[in-house]
Amino acid sequence: MLVGNLLLVLVILSASVQNAFATTNVDSIMDKLRKIDANVLLMRHAIAPGFGDPANFVINQCNTQRNLDAVGRSQASSLGQKLKQSAIVIDKIYSSYWCRCLETAKLLQLGEVEKFAGLNSFFEGHADRNETLKLLQEKLAALSQNSLTLMVTHQVVIQAVSGIGASSGEIVAYNTRTRKAVRVAVE
């Protein structure tokens, strides 16, 4: 059932949500998902123009951060609507403390969002890389293989855990037991 649910996610997600149905090869994606039996979806926050964060970055002050723009907010809302229309069941949602991640997770409207420091960005040294990844590995090790957890985070975190880079709004499915990963969002 989890693989079937993930297949529906694959069909609807992409950096360009409107083009997902035209570019998805359902059979090859299903084969990839069956191979890894994912229990985590690592999602990069929706579109937030720019690069990094301003020099005056403060973690609890959104006006000091790079944030979602109207396109990013629309992207997150659209992804959430399409996820709701599918049969996917997400058991838990975690987000980085960064405002662009929290806003993405909330705009999905898939359930309660819990902040988790193990998803914070260590790009530009705003969080300690080793401590962040230690927290994340502990969380991943504790997750059930029989549930589906969504984690909204940053490209550097997804890359460090899965070895796969992700564009804004993309998802990488991950198996916490085997540590196998596959990109599920289609360009």
Protein backbone atom coordinates (compact mmCIF):
# COMPACT_ATOMS: atom_id res chain seq x y z
CA MET A 1 0.00 0.00 0.00
CA LEU A 2 2.86 2.40 0.82
CA VAL A 3 4.39 1.91 -2.62
CA GLY A 4 1.02 2.53 -4.26
CA ASN A 5 0.62 5.71 -2.28
CA LEU A 6 4.08 6.88 -3.26
CA LEU A 7 3.30 6.22 -6.92
CA LEU A 8 0.48 8.73 -6.71
CA VAL A 9 2.88 11.25 -5.20
CA LEU A 10 5.27 10.71 -8.09
CA VAL A 11 2.63 11.39 -10.66
CA ILE A 12 1.69 14.73 -9.15
CA LEU A 13 4.96 16.20 -7.91
CA SER A 14 7.53 18.14 -9.83
CA ALA A 15 9.37 21.41 -9.76
CA SER A 16 6.75 22.45 -12.31
CA VAL A 17 3.59 20.99 -10.80
CA GLN A 18 1.51 21.72 -13.89
CA ASN A 19 3.71 19.51 -16.11
CA ALA A 20 4.02 16.47 -13.83
CA PHE A 21 1.42 14.33 -15.58
CA ALA A 22 2.95 14.90 -19.00
CA THR A 23 6.48 13.91 -17.96
CA THR A 24 6.08 11.04 -15.51
CA ASN A 25 6.94 7.49 -16.54
CA VAL A 26 4.70 5.63 -14.09
CA ASP A 27 6.14 2.13 -14.68
CA SER A 28 9.79 3.08 -14.15
CA ILE A 29 8.94 5.10 -11.03
CA MET A 30 6.92 2.21 -9.59
CA ASP A 31 9.88 -0.10 -10.18
CA LYS A 32 12.19 2.31 -8.31
CA LEU A 33 9.82 2.61 -5.36
CA ARG A 34 9.36 -1.14 -5.04
CA LYS A 35 13.12 -1.53 -4.94
CA ILE A 36 13.57 0.78 -1.96
CA ASP A 37 10.27 0.43 0.00
CA ALA A 38 10.55 4.05 1.22
CA ASN A 39 9.21 5.15 4.59
CA VAL A 40 10.41 8.78 4.42
CA LEU A 41 9.80 11.57 1.94
CA LEU A 42 12.55 14.20 2.09
CA MET A 43 11.11 17.32 0.50
CA ARG A 44 13.04 20.46 -0.33
CA HIS A 45 11.12 23.63 0.49
CA ALA A 46 9.13 25.26 -2.31
CA ILE A 47 10.55 28.05 -4.47
CA ALA A 48 12.29 30.77 -2.44
CA PRO A 49 14.20 33.02 -4.85
CA GLY A 50 17.84 33.75 -4.19
CA PHE A 51 20.77 31.86 -2.79
CA GLY A 52 21.53 31.17 0.86
CA ASP A 53 20.32 33.60 3.49
CA PRO A 54 21.05 37.28 4.12
CA ALA A 55 24.00 38.23 6.36
CA ASN A 56 21.58 39.36 9.09
CA PHE A 57 19.93 35.89 9.29
CA VAL A 58 18.10 35.12 12.55
CA ILE A 59 16.41 31.74 12.81
CA ASN A 60 13.21 32.99 14.48
CA GLN A 61 12.78 36.11 12.34
CA CYS A 62 11.37 35.42 8.89
CA ASN A 63 12.14 38.94 7.67
CA THR A 64 15.87 38.10 7.95
CA GLN A 65 15.61 34.97 5.79
CA ARG A 66 15.15 34.01 2.17
CA ASN A 67 11.44 33.18 1.96
CA LEU A 68 8.87 31.71 -0.40
CA ASP A 69 7.57 34.06 -3.04
CA ALA A 70 4.08 33.94 -4.58
CA VAL A 71 5.21 31.18 -6.96
CA GLY A 72 6.62 29.15 -4.07
CA ARG A 73 3.47 29.54 -2.00
CA SER A 74 1.38 28.49 -4.98
CA GLN A 75 3.69 25.53 -5.60
CA ALA A 76 3.38 24.33 -1.99
CA SER A 77 -0.42 24.74 -1.96
CA SER A 78 -0.79 22.90 -5.27
CA LEU A 79 1.39 20.04 -4.10
CA GLY A 80 -0.66 19.75 -0.94
CA GLN A 81 -3.96 19.72 -2.85
CA LYS A 82 -2.75 17.00 -5.16
CA LEU A 83 -1.40 14.95 -2.28
CA LYS A 84 -4.79 15.19 -0.56
CA GLN A 85 -6.50 13.96 -3.74
CA SER A 86 -4.26 10.91 -3.79
CA ALA A 87 -4.51 7.97 -1.44
CA ILE A 88 -1.23 8.83 0.28
CA VAL A 89 -1.27 8.75 4.07
CA ILE A 90 1.44 10.74 5.79
CA ASP A 91 1.74 9.78 9.43
CA LYS A 92 4.03 12.57 10.62
CA ILE A 93 5.37 15.85 9.23
CA TYR A 94 8.62 17.45 10.36
CA SER A 95 10.14 20.71 9.19
CA SER A 96 13.36 22.63 9.49
CA TYR A 97 13.11 25.74 11.68
CA TRP A 98 13.69 27.93 8.57
CA CYS A 99 10.60 29.96 7.65
CA ARG A 100 10.60 28.79 4.02
CA CYS A 101 10.42 25.16 5.16
CA LEU A 102 7.77 25.78 7.80
CA GLU A 103 5.65 27.76 5.36
CA THR A 104 5.98 25.02 2.73
CA ALA A 105 4.97 22.33 5.23
CA LYS A 106 1.99 24.35 6.48
CA LEU A 107 0.79 25.28 2.98
CA LEU A 108 0.68 21.58 2.08
CA GLN A 109 -2.15 21.34 4.64
CA LEU A 110 -1.49 17.66 5.25
CA GLY A 111 -1.47 17.78 9.02
CA GLU A 112 0.30 19.16 12.03
CA VAL A 113 3.88 20.25 11.43
CA GLU A 114 6.57 19.77 14.04
CA LYS A 115 9.84 21.71 13.97
CA PHE A 116 12.90 19.49 14.07
CA ALA A 117 16.48 20.78 14.37
CA GLY A 118 17.80 17.72 12.56
CA LEU A 119 16.42 19.22 9.33
CA ASN A 120 18.05 22.66 9.69
CA SER A 121 20.38 23.96 7.01
CA PHE A 122 24.09 23.84 7.68
CA PHE A 123 24.78 25.73 4.45
CA GLU A 124 26.70 28.88 5.33
CA GLY A 125 27.22 27.56 8.88
CA HIS A 126 23.85 28.61 10.29
CA ALA A 127 23.60 25.20 11.97
CA ASP A 128 26.35 22.75 12.90
CA ARG A 129 26.55 20.09 10.18
CA ASN A 130 27.64 17.23 12.44
CA GLU A 131 25.07 17.94 15.15
CA THR A 132 22.28 18.38 12.58
CA LEU A 133 23.06 15.10 10.84
CA LYS A 134 23.45 13.27 14.16
CA LEU A 135 19.96 14.40 15.23
CA LEU A 136 18.54 13.43 11.85
CA GLN A 137 20.17 9.99 11.82
CA GLU A 138 18.80 9.30 15.32
CA LYS A 139 15.29 10.33 14.18
CA LEU A 140 15.51 8.26 11.00
CA ALA A 141 16.68 5.19 12.95
CA ALA A 142 13.66 5.49 15.26
CA LEU A 143 11.04 5.68 12.47
CA SER A 144 8.82 2.72 11.71
CA GLN A 145 9.28 0.99 8.39
CA ASN A 146 5.46 0.71 8.26
CA SER A 147 4.63 4.41 8.28
CA LEU A 148 5.33 7.36 6.02
CA THR A 149 7.03 10.47 7.34
CA LEU A 150 7.37 13.73 5.42
CA MET A 151 10.40 15.89 6.20
CA VAL A 152 10.55 19.38 4.71
CA THR A 153 14.15 20.55 4.63
CA HIS A 154 16.99 21.95 2.53
CA GLN A 155 19.01 20.72 -0.43
CA VAL A 156 22.19 20.24 1.65
CA VAL A 157 20.39 18.00 4.15
CA ILE A 158 18.74 15.88 1.46
CA GLN A 159 22.07 15.56 -0.37
CA ALA A 160 23.93 14.57 2.81
CA VAL A 161 21.42 11.86 3.75
CA SER A 162 20.46 10.45 0.37
CA GLY A 163 23.27 11.43 -1.98
CA ILE A 164 20.64 13.02 -4.23
CA GLY A 165 20.28 16.76 -4.85
CA ALA A 166 16.77 18.21 -4.94
CA SER A 167 15.35 21.31 -6.57
CA SER A 168 12.71 23.44 -4.89
CA GLY A 169 9.57 21.38 -4.26
CA GLU A 170 11.20 18.07 -5.19
CA ILE A 171 10.98 14.95 -3.08
CA VAL A 172 13.44 12.13 -2.52
CA ALA A 173 11.95 8.90 -1.18
CA TYR A 174 14.20 7.18 1.34
CA ASN A 175 14.29 3.83 3.10
CA THR A 176 15.66 4.25 6.63
CA ARG A 177 16.61 0.60 6.97
CA THR A 178 18.51 0.11 3.70
CA ARG A 179 19.41 3.79 3.20
CA LYS A 180 18.40 3.54 -0.43
CA ALA A 181 16.92 6.63 -2.04
CA VAL A 182 15.19 7.63 -5.25
CA ARG A 183 14.11 10.99 -6.61
CA VAL A 184 10.34 11.00 -6.88
CA ALA A 185 9.71 14.49 -8.15
CA VAL A 186 9.92 14.86 -11.90
CA GLU A 187 11.38 17.91 -13.61
